[in-house]
């Protein structure tokens, strides 16, 4: 495979009429990185990918692949290839001929083309499938053919626009791991667009969470999940408990009718803020326990999920909080309607800057 190349977006902007779909995005994606653009529908992630591919022309800014400015270059002049959600396989061609299609336009000898096709099919675990037609394949196998067809041309950057979106949940999970393995084997840069947080967390080296044409937060999956910088990111990436609070500027907040100590986030914030804590960090305890950051609550609902149990709790002030309790093989010692104490550990309670609340409500 060809060497990987980094991707640089410099103040990239795209408008459609009065709508600014992408707003001055600046971003550097490292060579050989698996990078994801994550966000809800309409956030600008696919438009950004299409500008990297050359299918959309930016209204402002630049796209660089490696050191080369490709902003004005047509798609076929860029060292990239794209895999779409719609695989667009040729139904009348065999798997082998589908994979080899792009090589028809090269001056490679016939034997070299055959070798490349064999290598691409081996890479996606489809040896022995070469003579089949697309209609004889499962959805996952068709996705692999589309991937092999893109990789056989040895792009320096592979762009993937929700390629697993048409598959069922179980197959998607299996192919997430396979895609990451393939990316490591070929060593090229993958830029992956998805609205599925699990896909982004599972596969990415880094990811950018997008909203309203902008990047809300950039970082590793662990950083973005555990250290959300805005209420939008906390709410979008995974399940999060978000509560309105008043902060004193010294890491103490008033929420749920009680004063709490917060150990993460914007601890210098004062006035109206949001505080957030992930459900897996919330502890449900018997009433009357001593210690800081404990709130009285009633168990409103218990939902068994298999590997864990989701417990919905109603605080004395009317707020609701979710806890996620791992399945340890024993039934919970409380049920719906039980009075309990909710422990929100300070090292898991994060203060979010005040302006983030506008993003949640909008």
Protein backbone atom coordinates (compact mmCIF):
# COMPACT_ATOMS: atom_id res chain seq x y z
CA UNK A 1 0.00 0.00 0.00
CA UNK A 2 1.05 3.59 -0.59
CA UNK A 3 2.30 5.64 2.32
CA UNK A 4 -0.18 7.48 4.50
CA UNK A 5 -0.70 11.21 4.30
CA UNK A 6 -2.01 13.68 6.82
CA UNK A 7 -5.00 15.93 6.11
CA UNK A 8 -5.06 19.61 7.01
CA UNK A 9 -8.22 21.72 6.95
CA UNK A 10 -7.49 25.44 7.17
CA UNK A 11 -10.45 27.73 7.96
CA UNK A 12 -12.67 25.52 5.79
CA UNK A 13 -16.11 27.00 5.09
CA UNK A 14 -19.06 25.88 2.97
CA UNK A 15 -22.39 27.62 2.40
CA UNK A 16 -25.57 26.42 0.74
CA UNK A 17 -27.55 29.56 0.08
CA UNK A 18 -28.06 31.30 3.42
CA UNK A 19 -27.04 28.20 5.38
CA UNK A 20 -23.43 27.97 6.56
CA UNK A 21 -23.01 24.19 6.66
CA UNK A 22 -19.33 24.26 7.67
CA UNK A 23 -17.99 27.23 9.64
CA UNK A 24 -14.26 27.97 9.47
CA UNK A 25 -13.05 24.51 10.53
CA UNK A 26 -9.33 24.21 11.22
CA UNK A 27 -8.09 20.69 11.84
CA UNK A 28 -4.97 18.55 11.45
CA UNK A 29 -5.32 14.78 10.96
CA UNK A 30 -2.09 12.85 11.35
CA UNK A 31 -0.69 10.46 8.74
CA UNK A 32 -1.83 6.93 9.52
CA UNK A 33 -4.47 8.08 11.99
CA UNK A 34 -7.99 6.66 12.29
CA UNK A 35 -9.92 9.90 12.70
CA UNK A 36 -13.70 10.25 13.05
CA UNK A 37 -16.05 13.15 12.47
CA UNK A 38 -18.96 12.53 14.84
CA UNK A 39 -22.20 14.43 15.18
CA UNK A 40 -25.95 14.50 14.56
CA UNK A 41 -27.56 14.85 11.13
CA UNK A 42 -26.99 18.28 9.65
CA UNK A 43 -23.90 19.11 11.71
CA UNK A 44 -21.64 19.43 8.65
CA UNK A 45 -19.58 16.25 8.97
CA UNK A 46 -20.45 14.76 5.56
CA UNK A 47 -20.04 18.13 3.85
CA UNK A 48 -16.57 18.36 5.39
CA UNK A 49 -15.71 14.88 4.10
CA UNK A 50 -16.98 15.75 0.63
CA UNK A 51 -14.73 18.82 0.53
CA UNK A 52 -11.74 16.60 1.38
CA UNK A 53 -12.79 14.23 -1.41
CA UNK A 54 -13.27 17.07 -3.89
CA UNK A 55 -17.00 16.49 -4.42
CA UNK A 56 -17.78 19.90 -2.87
CA UNK A 57 -15.78 23.07 -3.38
CA UNK A 58 -15.25 25.20 -0.27
CA UNK A 59 -16.35 28.83 -0.23
CA UNK A 60 -13.32 29.69 1.87
CA UNK A 61 -10.29 27.95 3.33
CA UNK A 62 -7.96 25.22 2.14
CA UNK A 63 -7.63 21.44 2.04
CA UNK A 64 -4.11 19.97 2.15
CA UNK A 65 -3.23 16.29 1.78
CA UNK A 66 0.29 15.83 2.99
CA UNK A 67 2.05 19.01 1.93
CA UNK A 68 -0.03 19.41 -1.21
CA UNK A 69 -2.82 21.97 -1.48
CA UNK A 70 -5.67 20.15 -3.25
CA UNK A 71 -8.39 22.75 -2.68
CA UNK A 72 -8.88 23.30 -6.43
CA UNK A 73 -8.00 19.77 -7.54
CA UNK A 74 -10.80 17.55 -8.94
CA UNK A 75 -11.56 14.27 -7.11
CA UNK A 76 -9.58 12.07 -9.51
CA UNK A 77 -6.48 14.21 -8.96
CA UNK A 78 -6.44 13.67 -5.19
CA UNK A 79 -4.66 10.72 -3.50
CA UNK A 80 -7.89 9.71 -1.76
CA UNK A 81 -10.71 7.24 -2.27
CA UNK A 82 -14.17 7.12 -0.71
CA UNK A 83 -16.39 4.34 0.64
CA UNK A 84 -20.06 5.31 0.93
CA UNK A 85 -22.99 3.85 2.85
CA UNK A 86 -24.39 2.83 -0.53
CA UNK A 87 -21.76 0.41 -1.82
CA UNK A 88 -22.62 1.07 -5.51
CA UNK A 89 -21.30 -2.29 -6.70
CA UNK A 90 -21.82 -3.20 -10.35
CA UNK A 91 -24.45 -5.99 -10.23
CA UNK A 92 -23.39 -7.56 -13.53
CA UNK A 93 -19.71 -7.83 -12.54
CA UNK A 94 -18.13 -10.47 -10.33
CA UNK A 95 -16.55 -9.59 -7.01
CA UNK A 96 -13.11 -9.75 -8.63
CA UNK A 97 -14.12 -7.47 -11.50
CA UNK A 98 -15.76 -5.00 -9.10
CA UNK A 99 -12.55 -4.76 -7.10
CA UNK A 100 -10.43 -4.48 -10.27
CA UNK A 101 -12.63 -1.85 -11.92
CA UNK A 102 -10.52 1.17 -11.01
CA UNK A 103 -7.32 -0.56 -12.14
CA UNK A 104 -8.64 -0.60 -15.71
CA UNK A 105 -7.62 3.02 -16.00
CA UNK A 106 -4.00 2.41 -15.00
CA UNK A 107 -1.11 1.21 -17.11
CA UNK A 108 -0.30 -1.69 -14.79
CA UNK A 109 0.48 -5.05 -16.44
CA UNK A 110 -2.29 -7.63 -16.26
CA UNK A 111 -0.36 -9.84 -13.83
CA UNK A 112 0.27 -6.92 -11.48
CA UNK A 113 -3.42 -6.06 -11.50
CA UNK A 114 -4.28 -9.62 -10.62
CA UNK A 115 -1.81 -9.58 -7.75
CA UNK A 116 -3.27 -6.35 -6.36
CA UNK A 117 -6.83 -7.67 -6.54
CA UNK A 118 -5.81 -10.88 -4.76
CA UNK A 119 -4.09 -8.85 -2.04
CA UNK A 120 -7.13 -6.59 -1.59
CA UNK A 121 -9.54 -9.54 -1.33
CA UNK A 122 -7.22 -11.22 1.17
CA UNK A 123 -7.08 -8.04 3.22
CA UNK A 124 -10.88 -7.97 3.63
CA UNK A 125 -11.09 -11.76 4.19
CA UNK A 126 -12.87 -12.53 0.91
CA UNK A 127 -10.47 -15.07 -0.62
CA UNK A 128 -12.50 -17.50 -2.70
CA UNK A 129 -15.35 -15.03 -3.32
CA UNK A 130 -13.93 -13.62 -6.55
CA UNK A 131 -16.39 -15.29 -8.93
CA UNK A 132 -19.55 -14.41 -7.01
CA UNK A 133 -21.91 -11.63 -8.02
CA UNK A 134 -22.99 -8.91 -5.55
CA UNK A 135 -26.48 -10.40 -5.14
CA UNK A 136 -24.88 -13.59 -3.82
CA UNK A 137 -23.27 -11.72 -0.93
CA UNK A 138 -24.53 -10.60 2.46
CA UNK A 139 -24.60 -6.92 3.34
CA UNK A 140 -21.38 -7.24 5.31
CA UNK A 141 -19.65 -9.02 2.42
CA UNK A 142 -20.78 -6.31 0.00
CA UNK A 143 -19.33 -3.70 2.34
CA UNK A 144 -16.00 -5.54 2.27
CA UNK A 145 -16.02 -5.61 -1.53
CA UNK A 146 -16.55 -1.84 -1.59
CA UNK A 147 -13.67 -1.46 0.86
CA UNK A 148 -11.39 -3.69 -1.23
CA UNK A 149 -12.29 -1.72 -4.37
CA UNK A 150 -11.22 1.48 -2.63
CA UNK A 151 -8.02 0.06 -1.13
CA UNK A 152 -6.80 -1.65 -4.31
CA UNK A 153 -6.00 1.78 -5.76
CA UNK A 154 -3.65 2.41 -2.83
CA UNK A 155 -4.93 5.82 -1.75
CA UNK A 156 -2.94 7.77 0.82
CA UNK A 157 -6.20 8.69 2.59
CA UNK A 158 -9.40 6.64 2.74
CA UNK A 159 -12.64 8.53 3.38
CA UNK A 160 -15.57 6.56 4.82
CA UNK A 161 -19.06 8.09 4.89
CA UNK A 162 -21.18 6.04 7.34
CA UNK A 163 -20.16 2.78 5.59
CA UNK A 164 -21.80 0.55 8.24
CA UNK A 165 -25.08 2.44 8.40
CA UNK A 166 -27.06 -0.06 6.30
CA UNK A 167 -26.05 -3.10 8.39
CA UNK A 168 -27.78 -4.65 11.38
CA UNK A 169 -26.46 -3.89 14.87
CA UNK A 170 -24.64 -7.20 15.46
CA UNK A 171 -22.85 -7.07 12.11
CA UNK A 172 -21.93 -3.42 12.66
CA UNK A 173 -20.20 -4.30 15.92
CA UNK A 174 -18.18 -7.08 14.26
CA UNK A 175 -17.16 -4.91 11.32
CA UNK A 176 -16.11 -2.02 13.58
CA UNK A 177 -13.29 -4.19 14.90
CA UNK A 178 -12.46 -5.50 11.43
CA UNK A 179 -12.21 -2.00 9.98
CA UNK A 180 -9.81 -0.94 12.72
CA UNK A 181 -7.71 -4.07 12.13
CA UNK A 182 -7.60 -3.41 8.38
CA UNK A 183 -6.62 0.21 8.96
CA UNK A 184 -3.69 -0.89 11.10
CA UNK A 185 -2.61 -3.44 8.50
CA UNK A 186 -2.63 -1.03 5.56
CA UNK A 187 -1.28 1.87 7.63
CA UNK A 188 -3.04 4.63 5.72
CA UNK A 189 -5.11 7.51 7.06
CA UNK A 190 -8.80 6.78 7.60
CA UNK A 191 -11.25 9.67 7.94
CA UNK A 192 -14.56 8.25 9.13
CA UNK A 193 -17.93 10.02 9.28
CA UNK A 194 -20.60 8.70 11.64
CA UNK A 195 -23.47 9.75 13.88
CA UNK A 196 -22.97 6.58 15.94
CA UNK A 197 -21.03 7.33 19.12
CA UNK A 198 -20.13 3.67 19.69
CA UNK A 199 -18.49 3.43 16.26
CA UNK A 200 -16.44 6.55 16.91
CA UNK A 201 -15.37 5.44 20.39
CA UNK A 202 -14.52 1.90 19.27
CA UNK A 203 -12.43 2.67 16.22
CA UNK A 204 -10.95 6.16 16.45
CA UNK A 205 -7.49 7.23 17.51
CA UNK A 206 -9.01 10.71 17.79
CA UNK A 207 -12.38 12.21 16.97
CA UNK A 208 -14.02 15.58 16.46
CA UNK A 209 -17.54 16.11 17.79
CA UNK A 210 -19.37 18.51 15.46
CA UNK A 211 -22.47 20.66 15.90
CA UNK A 212 -23.93 23.39 13.71
CA UNK A 213 -20.97 23.35 11.32
CA UNK A 214 -18.33 23.73 14.02
CA UNK A 215 -16.05 21.44 15.99
CA UNK A 216 -17.30 21.32 19.58
CA UNK A 217 -14.44 19.21 20.92
CA UNK A 218 -11.40 17.37 19.61
CA UNK A 219 -9.52 14.58 21.38
CA UNK A 220 -9.10 10.87 21.98
CA UNK A 221 -12.24 8.83 22.65
CA UNK A 222 -11.39 8.66 26.35
CA UNK A 223 -10.73 12.40 26.59
CA UNK A 224 -13.94 13.39 24.85
CA UNK A 225 -16.08 10.89 26.77
CA UNK A 226 -14.64 11.47 30.22
CA UNK A 227 -13.82 15.18 29.89
CA UNK A 228 -16.60 16.81 27.83
CA UNK A 229 -16.01 20.54 27.45
CA UNK A 230 -19.61 21.52 26.67
CA UNK A 231 -23.07 20.32 27.60
CA UNK A 232 -23.66 19.39 23.97
CA UNK A 233 -20.70 16.98 23.96
CA UNK A 234 -21.63 15.52 27.34
CA UNK A 235 -25.20 14.92 26.19
CA UNK A 236 -24.40 13.65 22.69
CA UNK A 237 -21.52 11.31 23.47
CA UNK A 238 -22.98 8.57 25.60
CA UNK A 239 -25.58 8.90 28.33
CA UNK A 240 -24.90 11.75 30.73
CA UNK A 241 -26.64 13.23 33.74
CA UNK A 242 -26.87 16.99 33.20
CA UNK A 243 -28.15 19.26 35.95
CA UNK A 244 -28.51 23.00 36.26
CA UNK A 245 -26.47 24.36 39.15
CA UNK A 246 -25.05 27.48 40.77
CA UNK A 247 -21.27 27.59 41.20
CA UNK A 248 -19.24 29.61 43.69
CA UNK A 249 -16.03 29.86 41.64
CA UNK A 250 -14.13 27.51 43.94
CA UNK A 251 -15.34 24.10 42.80
CA UNK A 252 -18.51 23.99 44.86
CA UNK A 253 -21.97 23.96 43.28
CA UNK A 254 -25.54 23.88 44.47
CA UNK A 255 -27.65 21.27 42.65
CA UNK A 256 -30.43 18.90 43.56
CA UNK A 257 -31.20 21.00 46.63
CA UNK A 258 -27.75 20.41 48.16
CA UNK A 259 -24.25 21.83 48.02
CA UNK A 260 -21.83 19.54 46.21
CA UNK A 261 -18.09 19.45 45.64
CA UNK A 262 -16.99 19.11 42.00
CA UNK A 263 -13.51 17.95 41.08
CA UNK A 264 -13.53 18.23 37.30
CA UNK A 265 -14.16 20.79 34.59
CA UNK A 266 -14.38 24.57 34.86
CA UNK A 267 -13.94 24.83 38.62
CA UNK A 268 -13.41 28.60 38.46
CA UNK A 269 -16.86 29.15 36.94
CA UNK A 270 -19.37 31.07 39.04
CA UNK A 271 -23.08 31.69 38.71
CA UNK A 272 -25.30 29.54 36.49
CA UNK A 273 -23.55 26.42 35.21
CA UNK A 274 -24.30 22.83 34.27
CA UNK A 275 -22.82 19.87 36.12
CA UNK A 276 -22.53 16.44 34.56
CA UNK A 277 -21.71 12.92 35.70
CA UNK A 278 -21.77 9.66 33.76
CA UNK A 279 -24.30 7.03 34.95
CA UNK A 280 -21.59 4.44 35.57
CA UNK A 281 -20.00 6.78 38.14
CA UNK A 282 -23.22 7.34 40.11
CA UNK A 283 -23.48 5.21 43.25
CA UNK A 284 -26.80 4.08 44.75
CA UNK A 285 -26.52 3.49 48.51
CA UNK A 286 -28.82 2.88 51.48
CA UNK A 287 -30.29 6.00 53.05
CA UNK A 288 -28.56 7.64 55.97
CA UNK A 289 -25.01 7.20 54.72
CA UNK A 290 -22.45 9.76 55.84
CA UNK A 291 -20.16 11.75 53.59
CA UNK A 292 -20.15 14.52 51.05
CA UNK A 293 -22.08 14.61 47.77
CA UNK A 294 -24.92 12.38 48.88
CA UNK A 295 -28.50 13.23 47.92
CA UNK A 296 -31.81 11.71 49.00
CA UNK A 297 -33.73 10.08 46.14
CA UNK A 298 -36.50 7.65 45.21
CA UNK A 299 -36.03 4.85 42.71
CA UNK A 300 -38.38 5.74 39.85
CA UNK A 301 -37.60 2.91 37.42
CA UNK A 302 -35.30 -0.11 37.13
CA UNK A 303 -34.37 -1.37 33.65
CA UNK A 304 -32.43 -4.63 33.26
CA UNK A 305 -29.99 -4.40 30.32
CA UNK A 306 -28.20 -7.72 30.73
CA UNK A 307 -24.63 -6.71 31.51
CA UNK A 308 -25.91 -3.88 33.72
CA UNK A 309 -29.05 -2.43 35.26
CA UNK A 310 -30.16 1.12 34.56
CA UNK A 311 -31.64 2.80 37.63
CA UNK A 312 -33.66 6.02 37.21
CA UNK A 313 -33.68 8.11 40.37
CA UNK A 314 -35.78 11.13 41.31
CA UNK A 315 -34.03 13.61 43.58
CA UNK A 316 -35.78 15.61 46.29
CA UNK A 317 -35.67 18.75 44.14
CA UNK A 318 -37.44 16.99 41.24
CA UNK A 319 -34.37 16.36 39.06
CA UNK A 320 -33.79 12.89 37.63
CA UNK A 321 -30.48 11.04 37.62
CA UNK A 322 -29.51 7.75 36.00
CA UNK A 323 -27.17 5.19 37.55
CA UNK A 324 -25.70 2.20 35.72
CA UNK A 325 -25.08 -0.74 38.03
CA UNK A 326 -22.91 -3.60 36.66
CA UNK A 327 -24.45 -7.07 36.76
CA UNK A 328 -22.64 -8.84 39.59
CA UNK A 329 -24.96 -11.85 39.56
CA UNK A 330 -27.05 -10.70 42.53
CA UNK A 331 -30.42 -8.88 42.45
CA UNK A 332 -30.43 -5.22 43.45
CA UNK A 333 -31.30 -4.62 47.12
CA UNK A 334 -33.89 -1.99 46.16
CA UNK A 335 -36.77 -1.69 43.71
CA UNK A 336 -39.09 0.93 42.26
CA UNK A 337 -40.35 3.27 44.96
CA UNK A 338 -37.46 2.58 47.35
CA UNK A 339 -35.85 5.45 49.22
CA UNK A 340 -32.10 5.52 48.63
CA UNK A 341 -29.09 7.80 48.81
CA UNK A 342 -27.33 8.88 45.61
CA UNK A 343 -23.59 9.40 45.81
CA UNK A 344 -22.07 11.69 43.16
CA UNK A 345 -18.28 11.34 43.68
CA UNK A 346 -16.49 14.68 43.42
CA UNK A 347 -13.83 13.27 41.09
CA UNK A 348 -16.59 12.32 38.61
CA UNK A 349 -18.69 15.50 38.89
CA UNK A 350 -17.77 17.95 36.15
CA UNK A 351 -18.62 21.67 35.90
CA UNK A 352 -19.39 22.86 32.36
CA UNK A 353 -19.00 26.46 31.30
CA UNK A 354 -22.19 28.46 31.39
CA UNK A 355 -22.50 29.13 27.65
CA UNK A 356 -22.77 25.38 27.04
CA UNK A 357 -26.34 25.39 28.32
CA UNK A 358 -27.44 27.30 25.24
CA UNK A 359 -26.15 24.49 23.05
CA UNK A 360 -28.21 21.89 24.88
CA UNK A 361 -31.41 23.86 24.65
CA UNK A 362 -30.83 24.74 20.98
